[in-house]
Amino acid sequence: MKLALCFEILLLVIAGIPSEVRAQEGTNQPARSLPGQLKVVPPTQEPIAAPPVSPPSFQGITRPMVLPASPAHELTDGILVFDREVAETSVTDGAPEARFFFSFTNVSSANLTITNVALSCGCTAVELPPLPWVLKPGESGRLPVTLEVAGKSGVVAKSLQVRTDRGVKTIIVKADVPPPADGE
């Protein structure tokens, strides 16, 4: 008797479950969304791929990443000698940029590798050969630097960190930009 009663209860429970749910029991997916549940609808077409974008060309001028000051140690004397640590100029005739050149020489007895030149601002650009740049003992190099000054006035100063395998050398560019003349 107890078995017959259990069987009748089971039939009543099964009869109370909608047929679409019973049909889905083996798939582990509900036939309908439950309250608070998101229903995922498969896409009907393939996503459209965006065409590849080529990086901008700076015509020989590279814009290394603007990086925070490096915790690396300062390059000691007797390794890489620069002609100057600060390059200054005055901008005339409303020029949009100021150009600077730094010359340097590896005065050590071993190769020196320049791994990166980090800039303090995106308005500064430096021309570099492919990196890493290896300088043999006694070999010299030159860093052309461009500082964009359009729309600025007063003294504009930016720093560059020449990062090497043996330390960091900080150099500075400064441009004195006169204020625009009245009427401009």
C-alpha atoms as a PDB file:
ATOM      1  CA  MET A   1       0.000   0.000   0.000  1.00  0.00           C
ATOM      2  CA  LYS A   2       2.772   2.375   0.887  1.00  0.00           C
ATOM      3  CA  LEU A   3       4.492   1.648  -2.422  1.00  0.00           C
ATOM      4  CA  ALA A   4       1.341   2.403  -4.385  1.00  0.00           C
ATOM      5  CA  LEU A   5       0.932   5.682  -2.503  1.00  0.00           C
ATOM      6  CA  CYS A   6       4.527   6.697  -3.285  1.00  0.00           C
ATOM      7  CA  PHE A   7       4.012   5.824  -6.938  1.00  0.00           C
ATOM      8  CA  GLU A   8       0.852   7.964  -7.126  1.00  0.00           C
ATOM      9  CA  ILE A   9       2.668  10.933  -5.542  1.00  0.00           C
ATOM     10  CA  LEU A  10       5.489  10.565  -8.027  1.00  0.00           C
ATOM     11  CA  LEU A  11       3.032  10.551 -10.936  1.00  0.00           C
ATOM     12  CA  LEU A  12       1.354  13.662  -9.577  1.00  0.00           C
ATOM     13  CA  VAL A  13       4.705  15.470  -9.277  1.00  0.00           C
ATOM     14  CA  ILE A  14       5.716  14.513 -12.809  1.00  0.00           C
ATOM     15  CA  ALA A  15       2.313  15.501 -14.149  1.00  0.00           C
ATOM     16  CA  GLY A  16       2.700  18.930 -12.513  1.00  0.00           C
ATOM     17  CA  ILE A  17       5.980  19.657 -14.384  1.00  0.00           C
ATOM     18  CA  PRO A  18       5.395  21.273 -17.794  1.00  0.00           C
ATOM     19  CA  SER A  19       6.267  19.003 -20.699  1.00  0.00           C
ATOM     20  CA  GLU A  20       8.897  21.396 -22.148  1.00  0.00           C
ATOM     21  CA  VAL A  21      10.857  21.214 -18.892  1.00  0.00           C
ATOM     22  CA  ARG A  22      10.620  17.385 -18.807  1.00  0.00           C
ATOM     23  CA  ALA A  23      11.968  17.298 -22.377  1.00  0.00           C
ATOM     24  CA  GLN A  24      14.979  19.390 -21.360  1.00  0.00           C
ATOM     25  CA  GLU A  25      15.918  17.366 -18.281  1.00  0.00           C
ATOM     26  CA  GLY A  26      18.782  15.522 -19.976  1.00  0.00           C
ATOM     27  CA  THR A  27      20.323  18.664 -21.501  1.00  0.00           C
ATOM     28  CA  ASN A  28      21.018  20.535 -18.238  1.00  0.00           C
ATOM     29  CA  GLN A  29      19.395  23.680 -19.716  1.00  0.00           C
ATOM     30  CA  PRO A  30      16.031  25.080 -18.648  1.00  0.00           C
ATOM     31  CA  ALA A  31      13.423  25.419 -21.367  1.00  0.00           C
ATOM     32  CA  ARG A  32      12.416  28.834 -20.088  1.00  0.00           C
ATOM     33  CA  SER A  33      14.161  31.638 -18.245  1.00  0.00           C
ATOM     34  CA  LEU A  34      13.746  31.761 -14.542  1.00  0.00           C
ATOM     35  CA  PRO A  35      13.111  35.115 -12.864  1.00  0.00           C
ATOM     36  CA  GLY A  36      16.356  37.099 -12.530  1.00  0.00           C
ATOM     37  CA  GLN A  37      18.158  34.921 -15.042  1.00  0.00           C
ATOM     38  CA  LEU A  38      19.558  36.294 -18.309  1.00  0.00           C
ATOM     39  CA  LYS A  39      18.671  34.436 -21.437  1.00  0.00           C
ATOM     40  CA  VAL A  40      21.604  34.059 -23.822  1.00  0.00           C
ATOM     41  CA  VAL A  41      20.659  34.281 -27.462  1.00  0.00           C
ATOM     42  CA  PRO A  42      23.275  32.919 -29.868  1.00  0.00           C
ATOM     43  CA  PRO A  43      24.375  35.381 -32.598  1.00  0.00           C
ATOM     44  CA  THR A  44      22.701  34.919 -35.944  1.00  0.00           C
ATOM     45  CA  GLN A  45      25.664  36.169 -37.979  1.00  0.00           C
ATOM     46  CA  GLU A  46      29.447  36.263 -37.696  1.00  0.00           C
ATOM     47  CA  PRO A  47      30.884  39.386 -36.019  1.00  0.00           C
ATOM     48  CA  ILE A  48      32.402  41.879 -38.434  1.00  0.00           C
ATOM     49  CA  ALA A  49      36.156  42.184 -37.976  1.00  0.00           C
ATOM     50  CA  ALA A  50      37.597  45.686 -37.986  1.00  0.00           C
ATOM     51  CA  PRO A  51      40.267  46.310 -40.618  1.00  0.00           C
ATOM     52  CA  PRO A  52      43.832  46.390 -39.232  1.00  0.00           C
ATOM     53  CA  VAL A  53      45.086  49.854 -38.357  1.00  0.00           C
ATOM     54  CA  SER A  54      48.671  50.754 -39.154  1.00  0.00           C
ATOM     55  CA  PRO A  55      50.615  52.794 -36.586  1.00  0.00           C
ATOM     56  CA  PRO A  56      51.218  56.454 -37.352  1.00  0.00           C
ATOM     57  CA  SER A  57      54.468  57.421 -39.022  1.00  0.00           C
ATOM     58  CA  PHE A  58      56.592  60.127 -37.465  1.00  0.00           C
ATOM     59  CA  GLN A  59      59.018  60.145 -40.417  1.00  0.00           C
ATOM     60  CA  GLY A  60      62.114  59.032 -38.538  1.00  0.00           C
ATOM     61  CA  ILE A  61      61.092  60.592 -35.242  1.00  0.00           C
ATOM     62  CA  THR A  62      60.183  58.030 -32.665  1.00  0.00           C
ATOM     63  CA  ARG A  63      58.012  58.819 -29.706  1.00  0.00           C
ATOM     64  CA  PRO A  64      59.111  56.457 -26.960  1.00  0.00           C
ATOM     65  CA  MET A  65      56.619  55.841 -24.200  1.00  0.00           C
ATOM     66  CA  VAL A  66      56.307  58.518 -21.575  1.00  0.00           C
ATOM     67  CA  LEU A  67      57.467  56.622 -18.518  1.00  0.00           C
ATOM     68  CA  PRO A  68      57.782  57.578 -14.869  1.00  0.00           C
ATOM     69  CA  ALA A  69      61.209  58.178 -13.422  1.00  0.00           C
ATOM     70  CA  SER A  70      63.150  54.959 -13.225  1.00  0.00           C
ATOM     71  CA  PRO A  71      64.292  53.620  -9.864  1.00  0.00           C
ATOM     72  CA  ALA A  72      67.536  52.566 -11.624  1.00  0.00           C
ATOM     73  CA  HIS A  73      70.756  54.144 -10.478  1.00  0.00           C
ATOM     74  CA  GLU A  74      72.236  57.218 -12.137  1.00  0.00           C
ATOM     75  CA  LEU A  75      74.938  56.490 -14.703  1.00  0.00           C
ATOM     76  CA  THR A  76      78.324  57.058 -13.087  1.00  0.00           C
ATOM     77  CA  ASP A  77      81.067  59.219 -14.569  1.00  0.00           C
ATOM     78  CA  GLY A  78      83.524  57.527 -16.877  1.00  0.00           C
ATOM     79  CA  ILE A  79      80.933  55.565 -18.875  1.00  0.00           C
ATOM     80  CA  LEU A  80      78.878  57.826 -21.169  1.00  0.00           C
ATOM     81  CA  VAL A  81      79.907  61.460 -21.590  1.00  0.00           C
ATOM     82  CA  PHE A  82      77.450  64.008 -23.031  1.00  0.00           C
ATOM     83  CA  ASP A  83      78.484  67.327 -24.566  1.00  0.00           C
ATOM     84  CA  ARG A  84      75.969  68.955 -22.172  1.00  0.00           C
ATOM     85  CA  GLU A  85      73.239  67.965 -19.759  1.00  0.00           C
ATOM     86  CA  VAL A  86      70.960  70.941 -20.470  1.00  0.00           C
ATOM     87  CA  ALA A  87      70.246  72.263 -23.976  1.00  0.00           C
ATOM     88  CA  GLU A  88      68.585  75.693 -24.193  1.00  0.00           C
ATOM     89  CA  THR A  89      67.218  77.802 -27.035  1.00  0.00           C
ATOM     90  CA  SER A  90      64.946  80.766 -27.674  1.00  0.00           C
ATOM     91  CA  VAL A  91      62.053  80.294 -30.061  1.00  0.00           C
ATOM     92  CA  THR A  92      61.561  83.101 -32.566  1.00  0.00           C
ATOM     93  CA  ASP A  93      59.004  83.943 -35.217  1.00  0.00           C
ATOM     94  CA  GLY A  94      56.294  81.810 -33.602  1.00  0.00           C
ATOM     95  CA  ALA A  95      57.966  78.529 -34.557  1.00  0.00           C
ATOM     96  CA  PRO A  96      55.825  75.519 -33.522  1.00  0.00           C
ATOM     97  CA  GLU A  97      58.809  73.497 -32.300  1.00  0.00           C
ATOM     98  CA  ALA A  98      62.324  73.778 -30.943  1.00  0.00           C
ATOM     99  CA  ARG A  99      65.111  71.426 -32.028  1.00  0.00           C
ATOM    100  CA  PHE A 100      68.065  70.287 -29.947  1.00  0.00           C
ATOM    101  CA  PHE A 101      71.034  67.955 -30.456  1.00  0.00           C
ATOM    102  CA  PHE A 102      72.947  66.050 -27.799  1.00  0.00           C
ATOM    103  CA  SER A 103      76.268  64.393 -28.647  1.00  0.00           C
ATOM    104  CA  PHE A 104      77.729  61.678 -26.460  1.00  0.00           C
ATOM    105  CA  THR A 105      80.581  59.178 -26.366  1.00  0.00           C
ATOM    106  CA  ASN A 106      81.066  55.811 -24.683  1.00  0.00           C
ATOM    107  CA  VAL A 107      84.303  56.496 -22.788  1.00  0.00           C
ATOM    108  CA  SER A 108      84.305  53.164 -20.949  1.00  0.00           C
ATOM    109  CA  SER A 109      86.326  50.106 -21.909  1.00  0.00           C
ATOM    110  CA  ALA A 110      83.221  47.956 -22.532  1.00  0.00           C
ATOM    111  CA  ASN A 111      80.194  48.023 -24.813  1.00  0.00           C
ATOM    112  CA  LEU A 112      77.275  50.157 -23.618  1.00  0.00           C
ATOM    113  CA  THR A 113      73.675  49.405 -24.623  1.00  0.00           C
ATOM    114  CA  ILE A 114      71.033  52.132 -24.776  1.00  0.00           C
ATOM    115  CA  THR A 115      67.775  50.297 -24.102  1.00  0.00           C
ATOM    116  CA  ASN A 116      65.297  53.199 -24.183  1.00  0.00           C
ATOM    117  CA  VAL A 117      64.926  56.958 -23.961  1.00  0.00           C
ATOM    118  CA  ALA A 118      62.031  57.830 -21.667  1.00  0.00           C
ATOM    119  CA  LEU A 119      60.377  61.213 -22.086  1.00  0.00           C
ATOM    120  CA  SER A 120      58.692  63.313 -19.417  1.00  0.00           C
ATOM    121  CA  CYS A 121      55.984  64.522 -21.806  1.00  0.00           C
ATOM    122  CA  GLY A 122      54.259  63.577 -25.056  1.00  0.00           C
ATOM    123  CA  CYS A 123      55.253  66.949 -26.561  1.00  0.00           C
ATOM    124  CA  THR A 124      58.854  65.738 -26.800  1.00  0.00           C
ATOM    125  CA  ALA A 125      60.221  63.444 -29.514  1.00  0.00           C
ATOM    126  CA  VAL A 126      63.655  61.928 -30.065  1.00  0.00           C
ATOM    127  CA  GLU A 127      65.202  60.321 -33.159  1.00  0.00           C
ATOM    128  CA  LEU A 128      66.681  56.946 -32.350  1.00  0.00           C
ATOM    129  CA  PRO A 129      68.228  54.136 -34.328  1.00  0.00           C
ATOM    130  CA  PRO A 130      66.699  50.691 -33.777  1.00  0.00           C
ATOM    131  CA  LEU A 131      66.904  49.679 -30.131  1.00  0.00           C
ATOM    132  CA  PRO A 132      68.824  48.290 -28.378  1.00  0.00           C
ATOM    133  CA  TRP A 133      71.562  50.672 -29.508  1.00  0.00           C
ATOM    134  CA  VAL A 134      74.999  49.217 -28.776  1.00  0.00           C
ATOM    135  CA  LEU A 135      77.946  51.627 -28.528  1.00  0.00           C
ATOM    136  CA  LYS A 136      81.433  50.158 -28.625  1.00  0.00           C
ATOM    137  CA  PRO A 137      84.188  51.703 -26.499  1.00  0.00           C
ATOM    138  CA  GLY A 138      85.090  55.124 -27.942  1.00  0.00           C
ATOM    139  CA  GLU A 139      82.026  55.202 -30.217  1.00  0.00           C
ATOM    140  CA  SER A 140      79.937  58.384 -30.342  1.00  0.00           C
ATOM    141  CA  GLY A 141      76.289  59.051 -31.032  1.00  0.00           C
ATOM    142  CA  ARG A 142      73.849  61.900 -31.411  1.00  0.00           C
ATOM    143  CA  LEU A 143      70.317  62.410 -30.110  1.00  0.00           C
ATOM    144  CA  PRO A 144      68.173  64.867 -32.089  1.00  0.00           C
ATOM    145  CA  VAL A 145      65.296  66.052 -29.877  1.00  0.00           C
ATOM    146  CA  THR A 146      62.180  67.998 -30.914  1.00  0.00           C
ATOM    147  CA  LEU A 147      60.052  69.906 -28.412  1.00  0.00           C
ATOM    148  CA  GLU A 148      56.595  71.053 -29.516  1.00  0.00           C
ATOM    149  CA  VAL A 149      55.978  74.594 -28.218  1.00  0.00           C
ATOM    150  CA  ALA A 150      52.944  75.683 -30.256  1.00  0.00           C
ATOM    151  CA  GLY A 151      50.430  77.450 -28.033  1.00  0.00           C
ATOM    152  CA  LYS A 152      52.885  77.726 -25.127  1.00  0.00           C
ATOM    153  CA  SER A 153      54.771  80.702 -23.723  1.00  0.00           C
ATOM    154  CA  GLY A 154      57.473  81.233 -21.129  1.00  0.00           C
ATOM    155  CA  VAL A 155      60.192  78.708 -20.375  1.00  0.00           C
ATOM    156  CA  VAL A 156      59.213  75.187 -21.413  1.00  0.00           C
ATOM    157  CA  ALA A 157      61.513  72.527 -19.933  1.00  0.00           C
ATOM    158  CA  LYS A 158      61.283  68.759 -20.363  1.00  0.00           C
ATOM    159  CA  SER A 159      63.515  65.901 -19.277  1.00  0.00           C
ATOM    160  CA  LEU A 160      64.681  62.791 -21.083  1.00  0.00           C
ATOM    161  CA  GLN A 161      66.100  59.692 -19.438  1.00  0.00           C
ATOM    162  CA  VAL A 162      68.675  57.841 -21.491  1.00  0.00           C
ATOM    163  CA  ARG A 163      68.394  54.325 -20.077  1.00  0.00           C
ATOM    164  CA  THR A 164      71.335  52.000 -20.535  1.00  0.00           C
ATOM    165  CA  ASP A 165      72.354  48.577 -19.330  1.00  0.00           C
ATOM    166  CA  ARG A 166      74.647  50.316 -16.802  1.00  0.00           C
ATOM    167  CA  GLY A 167      72.453  53.104 -15.478  1.00  0.00           C
ATOM    168  CA  VAL A 168      70.347  56.132 -16.364  1.00  0.00           C
ATOM    169  CA  LYS A 169      71.424  59.584 -17.554  1.00  0.00           C
ATOM    170  CA  THR A 170      68.923  62.460 -17.348  1.00  0.00           C
ATOM    171  CA  ILE A 171      69.216  65.309 -19.841  1.00  0.00           C
ATOM    172  CA  ILE A 172      67.026  68.404 -20.138  1.00  0.00           C
ATOM    173  CA  VAL A 173      65.749  70.567 -23.010  1.00  0.00           C
ATOM    174  CA  LYS A 174      64.561  74.141 -22.391  1.00  0.00           C
ATOM    175  CA  ALA A 175      62.914  76.561 -24.783  1.00  0.00           C
ATOM    176  CA  ASP A 176      62.171  80.209 -24.028  1.00  0.00           C
ATOM    177  CA  VAL A 177      58.930  80.919 -25.882  1.00  0.00           C
ATOM    178  CA  PRO A 178      57.850  84.587 -26.095  1.00  0.00           C
ATOM    179  CA  PRO A 179      54.162  85.314 -25.563  1.00  0.00           C
ATOM    180  CA  PRO A 180      52.166  85.884 -28.744  1.00  0.00           C
ATOM    181  CA  ALA A 181      52.183  89.463 -30.035  1.00  0.00           C
ATOM    182  CA  ASP A 182      48.995  91.495 -29.570  1.00  0.00           C
ATOM    183  CA  GLY A 183      46.435  90.837 -32.282  1.00  0.00           C
ATOM    184  CA  GLU A 184      47.410  87.193 -32.853  1.00  0.00           C
END
